[in-house]
């Protein structure tokens, strides 16, 4: 497990910056998916179930002013910055693994 800090700036306004920390990279990636699902629920308050595909999730990430992760690397005892493209790639890998398990 690698402690991971998710840095998010939804709009261009600097005061919209926030962060969340997670015990692992996987928890962080799942947190990004949950954030998108909450966004969809707000956009569709009367829907009983929400479905989406990965391209919609990636569009959501791309529309954010900024999103990045700091992933702790035990070997070098420091946090390594990771950008939106890395986040999307890791989410893709995670979801593909989850789909293979069902």
N, C-alpha and C. Protein backbone atom coordinates (compact mmCIF):
# COMPACT_ATOMS: atom_id res chain seq x y z
N UNK A 1 0.84 -1.19 0.00
CA UNK A 1 0.00 0.00 0.00
C UNK A 1 0.87 1.24 0.00
N UNK A 2 0.49 2.19 -0.84
CA UNK A 2 1.22 3.45 -0.92
C UNK A 2 0.27 4.58 -0.58
N UNK A 3 0.58 5.27 0.50
CA UNK A 3 -0.24 6.43 0.86
C UNK A 3 -0.31 7.35 -0.35
N UNK A 4 -1.51 7.84 -0.64
CA UNK A 4 -1.70 8.66 -1.83
C UNK A 4 -2.53 9.88 -1.48
N UNK A 5 -2.10 11.03 -1.95
CA UNK A 5 -2.82 12.29 -1.76
C UNK A 5 -3.37 12.73 -3.11
N UNK A 6 -4.68 12.95 -3.16
CA UNK A 6 -5.34 13.41 -4.38
C UNK A 6 -5.53 14.92 -4.27
N UNK A 7 -4.99 15.66 -5.23
CA UNK A 7 -5.12 17.11 -5.28
C UNK A 7 -6.09 17.47 -6.39
N UNK A 8 -7.12 18.26 -6.05
CA UNK A 8 -8.16 18.58 -7.02
C UNK A 8 -8.42 20.08 -7.03
N UNK A 9 -8.55 20.62 -8.22
CA UNK A 9 -8.99 22.00 -8.41
C UNK A 9 -10.08 21.96 -9.48
N UNK A 10 -11.35 21.91 -9.04
CA UNK A 10 -12.44 21.77 -10.01
C UNK A 10 -12.58 22.93 -10.98
N UNK A 11 -12.33 24.15 -10.51
CA UNK A 11 -12.47 25.33 -11.37
C UNK A 11 -11.14 26.07 -11.43
N UNK A 12 -11.10 27.12 -12.21
CA UNK A 12 -9.86 27.91 -12.32
C UNK A 12 -9.60 28.76 -11.07
N UNK A 13 -10.61 28.90 -10.23
CA UNK A 13 -10.45 29.70 -9.02
C UNK A 13 -9.54 28.98 -8.03
N UNK A 14 -8.47 29.63 -7.59
CA UNK A 14 -7.54 28.98 -6.65
C UNK A 14 -8.21 28.52 -5.36
N UNK A 15 -9.28 29.20 -4.95
CA UNK A 15 -9.92 28.80 -3.70
C UNK A 15 -10.78 27.55 -3.85
N UNK A 16 -10.84 26.97 -5.05
CA UNK A 16 -11.57 25.72 -5.24
C UNK A 16 -10.67 24.51 -4.99
N UNK A 17 -9.40 24.75 -4.71
CA UNK A 17 -8.46 23.65 -4.48
C UNK A 17 -8.81 22.89 -3.20
N UNK A 18 -8.65 21.58 -3.29
CA UNK A 18 -8.86 20.73 -2.12
C UNK A 18 -8.01 19.48 -2.27
N UNK A 19 -7.96 18.71 -1.23
CA UNK A 19 -7.20 17.46 -1.30
C UNK A 19 -7.89 16.40 -0.45
N UNK A 20 -7.59 15.16 -0.75
CA UNK A 20 -8.03 14.01 0.04
C UNK A 20 -6.85 13.07 0.14
N UNK A 21 -6.73 12.42 1.29
CA UNK A 21 -5.65 11.44 1.36
C UNK A 21 -6.23 10.04 1.57
N UNK A 22 -5.51 9.07 1.03
CA UNK A 22 -5.97 7.68 1.00
C UNK A 22 -4.83 6.77 1.44
N UNK A 23 -5.20 5.63 1.99
CA UNK A 23 -4.20 4.68 2.46
C UNK A 23 -3.50 3.95 1.32
N UNK A 24 -4.10 3.97 0.14
CA UNK A 24 -3.49 3.26 -0.99
C UNK A 24 -3.84 3.96 -2.29
N UNK A 25 -3.09 3.62 -3.32
CA UNK A 25 -3.36 4.15 -4.66
C UNK A 25 -4.73 3.70 -5.14
N UNK A 26 -5.07 2.43 -4.88
CA UNK A 26 -6.36 1.90 -5.31
C UNK A 26 -7.51 2.65 -4.66
N UNK A 27 -7.41 2.91 -3.36
CA UNK A 27 -8.46 3.68 -2.67
C UNK A 27 -8.62 5.05 -3.30
N UNK A 28 -7.52 5.67 -3.68
CA UNK A 28 -7.56 6.98 -4.32
C UNK A 28 -8.29 6.90 -5.66
N UNK A 29 -7.94 5.92 -6.48
CA UNK A 29 -8.58 5.77 -7.79
C UNK A 29 -10.07 5.49 -7.64
N UNK A 30 -10.43 4.66 -6.67
CA UNK A 30 -11.84 4.41 -6.39
C UNK A 30 -12.53 5.69 -5.93
N UNK A 31 -11.80 6.53 -5.18
CA UNK A 31 -12.34 7.81 -4.74
C UNK A 31 -12.64 8.74 -5.90
N UNK A 32 -11.80 8.72 -6.93
CA UNK A 32 -12.06 9.53 -8.12
C UNK A 32 -13.34 9.05 -8.81
N UNK A 33 -13.50 7.73 -8.91
CA UNK A 33 -14.72 7.18 -9.52
C UNK A 33 -15.95 7.57 -8.71
N UNK A 34 -15.85 7.49 -7.39
CA UNK A 34 -16.98 7.86 -6.53
C UNK A 34 -17.32 9.34 -6.65
N UNK A 35 -16.28 10.17 -6.80
CA UNK A 35 -16.51 11.60 -6.99
C UNK A 35 -17.32 11.84 -8.27
N UNK A 36 -16.96 11.13 -9.33
CA UNK A 36 -17.69 11.26 -10.59
C UNK A 36 -19.13 10.76 -10.43
N UNK A 37 -19.30 9.66 -9.73
CA UNK A 37 -20.65 9.12 -9.51
C UNK A 37 -21.51 10.10 -8.71
N UNK A 38 -20.92 10.77 -7.74
CA UNK A 38 -21.65 11.80 -6.98
C UNK A 38 -22.03 12.97 -7.89
N UNK A 39 -21.13 13.33 -8.77
CA UNK A 39 -21.41 14.39 -9.76
C UNK A 39 -22.60 13.98 -10.62
N UNK A 40 -22.62 12.74 -11.08
CA UNK A 40 -23.73 12.25 -11.90
C UNK A 40 -25.04 12.25 -11.13
N UNK A 41 -24.98 11.88 -9.86
CA UNK A 41 -26.20 11.89 -9.03
C UNK A 41 -26.74 13.30 -8.88
N UNK A 42 -25.85 14.28 -8.74
CA UNK A 42 -26.29 15.68 -8.64
C UNK A 42 -26.91 16.15 -9.95
N UNK A 43 -26.37 15.68 -11.07
CA UNK A 43 -26.88 16.07 -12.38
C UNK A 43 -28.20 15.37 -12.71
N UNK A 44 -28.43 14.21 -12.10
CA UNK A 44 -29.62 13.39 -12.39
C UNK A 44 -30.30 12.98 -11.08
N UNK A 45 -30.83 13.95 -10.33
CA UNK A 45 -31.34 13.64 -8.99
C UNK A 45 -32.55 12.70 -8.96
N UNK A 46 -33.26 12.58 -10.05
CA UNK A 46 -34.45 11.71 -10.05
C UNK A 46 -34.15 10.30 -10.54
N UNK A 47 -32.95 10.06 -11.02
CA UNK A 47 -32.60 8.72 -11.51
C UNK A 47 -32.35 7.77 -10.34
N UNK A 48 -32.89 6.56 -10.47
CA UNK A 48 -32.71 5.56 -9.42
C UNK A 48 -31.39 4.83 -9.55
N UNK A 49 -30.88 4.73 -10.77
CA UNK A 49 -29.57 4.12 -10.96
C UNK A 49 -28.79 4.96 -11.98
N UNK A 50 -27.51 4.99 -11.77
CA UNK A 50 -26.61 5.77 -12.62
C UNK A 50 -25.67 4.80 -13.32
N UNK A 51 -25.58 4.91 -14.63
CA UNK A 51 -24.60 4.13 -15.38
C UNK A 51 -23.76 5.10 -16.22
N UNK A 52 -22.54 4.69 -16.49
CA UNK A 52 -21.64 5.52 -17.30
C UNK A 52 -20.57 4.63 -17.89
N UNK A 53 -19.92 5.16 -18.91
CA UNK A 53 -18.78 4.42 -19.44
C UNK A 53 -17.50 5.20 -19.14
N UNK A 54 -16.40 4.55 -19.38
CA UNK A 54 -15.11 5.12 -18.98
C UNK A 54 -14.80 6.43 -19.70
N UNK A 55 -15.30 6.59 -20.93
CA UNK A 55 -15.03 7.83 -21.65
C UNK A 55 -15.68 9.02 -20.95
N UNK A 56 -16.86 8.81 -20.36
CA UNK A 56 -17.52 9.89 -19.61
C UNK A 56 -16.72 10.25 -18.36
N UNK A 57 -16.19 9.23 -17.69
CA UNK A 57 -15.35 9.47 -16.52
C UNK A 57 -14.10 10.26 -16.91
N UNK A 58 -13.47 9.87 -18.01
CA UNK A 58 -12.26 10.56 -18.46
C UNK A 58 -12.57 11.99 -18.89
N UNK A 59 -13.72 12.23 -19.52
CA UNK A 59 -14.12 13.60 -19.87
C UNK A 59 -14.28 14.45 -18.62
N UNK A 60 -14.88 13.87 -17.58
CA UNK A 60 -15.04 14.57 -16.30
C UNK A 60 -13.68 14.98 -15.75
N UNK A 61 -12.74 14.05 -15.74
CA UNK A 61 -11.39 14.34 -15.24
C UNK A 61 -10.75 15.45 -16.07
N UNK A 62 -10.89 15.36 -17.39
CA UNK A 62 -10.28 16.36 -18.27
C UNK A 62 -10.89 17.75 -18.08
N UNK A 63 -12.16 17.82 -17.70
CA UNK A 63 -12.82 19.12 -17.51
C UNK A 63 -12.41 19.82 -16.21
N UNK A 64 -11.84 19.08 -15.28
CA UNK A 64 -11.37 19.70 -14.04
C UNK A 64 -10.19 20.61 -14.36
N UNK A 65 -10.13 21.74 -13.69
CA UNK A 65 -9.01 22.66 -13.93
C UNK A 65 -7.68 21.96 -13.65
N UNK A 66 -7.65 21.16 -12.58
CA UNK A 66 -6.42 20.43 -12.26
C UNK A 66 -6.75 19.24 -11.37
N UNK A 67 -6.05 18.16 -11.58
CA UNK A 67 -6.13 16.98 -10.74
C UNK A 67 -4.79 16.29 -10.83
N UNK A 68 -4.26 15.92 -9.69
CA UNK A 68 -3.02 15.17 -9.67
C UNK A 68 -2.96 14.37 -8.38
N UNK A 69 -2.01 13.43 -8.33
CA UNK A 69 -1.81 12.60 -7.16
C UNK A 69 -0.36 12.71 -6.71
N UNK A 70 -0.18 12.55 -5.44
CA UNK A 70 1.15 12.37 -4.88
C UNK A 70 1.15 10.97 -4.27
N UNK A 71 1.95 10.08 -4.83
CA UNK A 71 1.98 8.69 -4.40
C UNK A 71 3.29 8.43 -3.66
N UNK A 72 3.17 7.95 -2.42
CA UNK A 72 4.36 7.71 -1.61
C UNK A 72 5.12 6.50 -2.12
N UNK A 73 6.40 6.68 -2.33
CA UNK A 73 7.29 5.60 -2.77
C UNK A 73 8.22 5.25 -1.61
N UNK A 74 8.00 4.08 -1.03
CA UNK A 74 8.75 3.66 0.15
C UNK A 74 10.25 3.56 -0.15
N UNK A 75 10.57 3.06 -1.32
CA UNK A 75 11.98 2.84 -1.68
C UNK A 75 12.80 4.12 -1.57
N UNK A 76 12.25 5.23 -2.02
CA UNK A 76 12.97 6.50 -1.98
C UNK A 76 12.45 7.43 -0.88
N UNK A 77 11.43 6.99 -0.15
CA UNK A 77 10.84 7.72 0.97
C UNK A 77 10.45 9.15 0.59
N UNK A 78 9.72 9.25 -0.51
CA UNK A 78 9.23 10.55 -0.97
C UNK A 78 7.93 10.35 -1.75
N UNK A 79 7.22 11.44 -1.97
CA UNK A 79 6.02 11.41 -2.78
C UNK A 79 6.36 11.73 -4.23
N UNK A 80 5.80 10.95 -5.14
CA UNK A 80 6.02 11.14 -6.57
C UNK A 80 4.76 11.74 -7.17
N UNK A 81 4.87 12.86 -7.88
CA UNK A 81 3.68 13.47 -8.50
C UNK A 81 3.24 12.70 -9.73
N UNK A 82 1.91 12.60 -9.89
CA UNK A 82 1.33 11.91 -11.04
C UNK A 82 0.22 12.78 -11.60
N UNK A 83 0.17 12.93 -12.92
CA UNK A 83 -0.78 13.84 -13.56
C UNK A 83 -2.09 13.15 -13.96
N UNK A 84 -2.96 13.91 -14.62
CA UNK A 84 -4.26 13.39 -15.05
C UNK A 84 -4.12 12.17 -15.94
N UNK A 85 -3.18 12.18 -16.86
CA UNK A 85 -3.02 11.05 -17.77
C UNK A 85 -2.67 9.78 -16.99
N UNK A 86 -1.81 9.91 -15.99
CA UNK A 86 -1.46 8.77 -15.14
C UNK A 86 -2.70 8.28 -14.39
N UNK A 87 -3.48 9.20 -13.85
CA UNK A 87 -4.70 8.83 -13.11
C UNK A 87 -5.65 8.06 -14.03
N UNK A 88 -5.86 8.56 -15.23
CA UNK A 88 -6.77 7.89 -16.18
C UNK A 88 -6.25 6.50 -16.54
N UNK A 89 -4.96 6.38 -16.79
CA UNK A 89 -4.38 5.09 -17.14
C UNK A 89 -4.54 4.09 -15.99
N UNK A 90 -4.29 4.54 -14.77
CA UNK A 90 -4.40 3.66 -13.61
C UNK A 90 -5.86 3.28 -13.34
N UNK A 91 -6.79 4.20 -13.55
CA UNK A 91 -8.22 3.87 -13.41
C UNK A 91 -8.60 2.82 -14.45
N UNK A 92 -8.15 3.00 -15.67
CA UNK A 92 -8.44 2.03 -16.73
C UNK A 92 -7.94 0.64 -16.34
N UNK A 93 -6.72 0.55 -15.86
CA UNK A 93 -6.15 -0.74 -15.44
C UNK A 93 -6.95 -1.33 -14.28
N UNK A 94 -7.31 -0.50 -13.30
CA UNK A 94 -8.07 -0.96 -12.15
C UNK A 94 -9.43 -1.50 -12.56
N UNK A 95 -10.16 -0.75 -13.42
CA UNK A 95 -11.48 -1.18 -13.85
C UNK A 95 -11.42 -2.43 -14.72
N UNK A 96 -10.39 -2.53 -15.53
CA UNK A 96 -10.23 -3.72 -16.36
C UNK A 96 -10.00 -4.95 -15.48
N UNK A 97 -9.21 -4.81 -14.43
CA UNK A 97 -8.98 -5.91 -13.50
C UNK A 97 -10.28 -6.29 -12.78
N UNK A 98 -11.04 -5.27 -12.36
CA UNK A 98 -12.31 -5.53 -11.68
C UNK A 98 -13.29 -6.24 -12.61
N UNK A 99 -13.32 -5.85 -13.87
CA UNK A 99 -14.23 -6.48 -14.83
C UNK A 99 -13.83 -7.94 -15.07
N UNK A 100 -12.55 -8.23 -15.01
CA UNK A 100 -12.07 -9.59 -15.21
C UNK A 100 -12.39 -10.50 -14.05
N UNK A 101 -12.65 -9.92 -12.89
CA UNK A 101 -12.95 -10.71 -11.70
C UNK A 101 -14.42 -11.08 -11.59
N UNK A 102 -15.27 -10.44 -12.41
CA UNK A 102 -16.70 -10.72 -12.31
C UNK A 102 -17.13 -11.79 -13.27
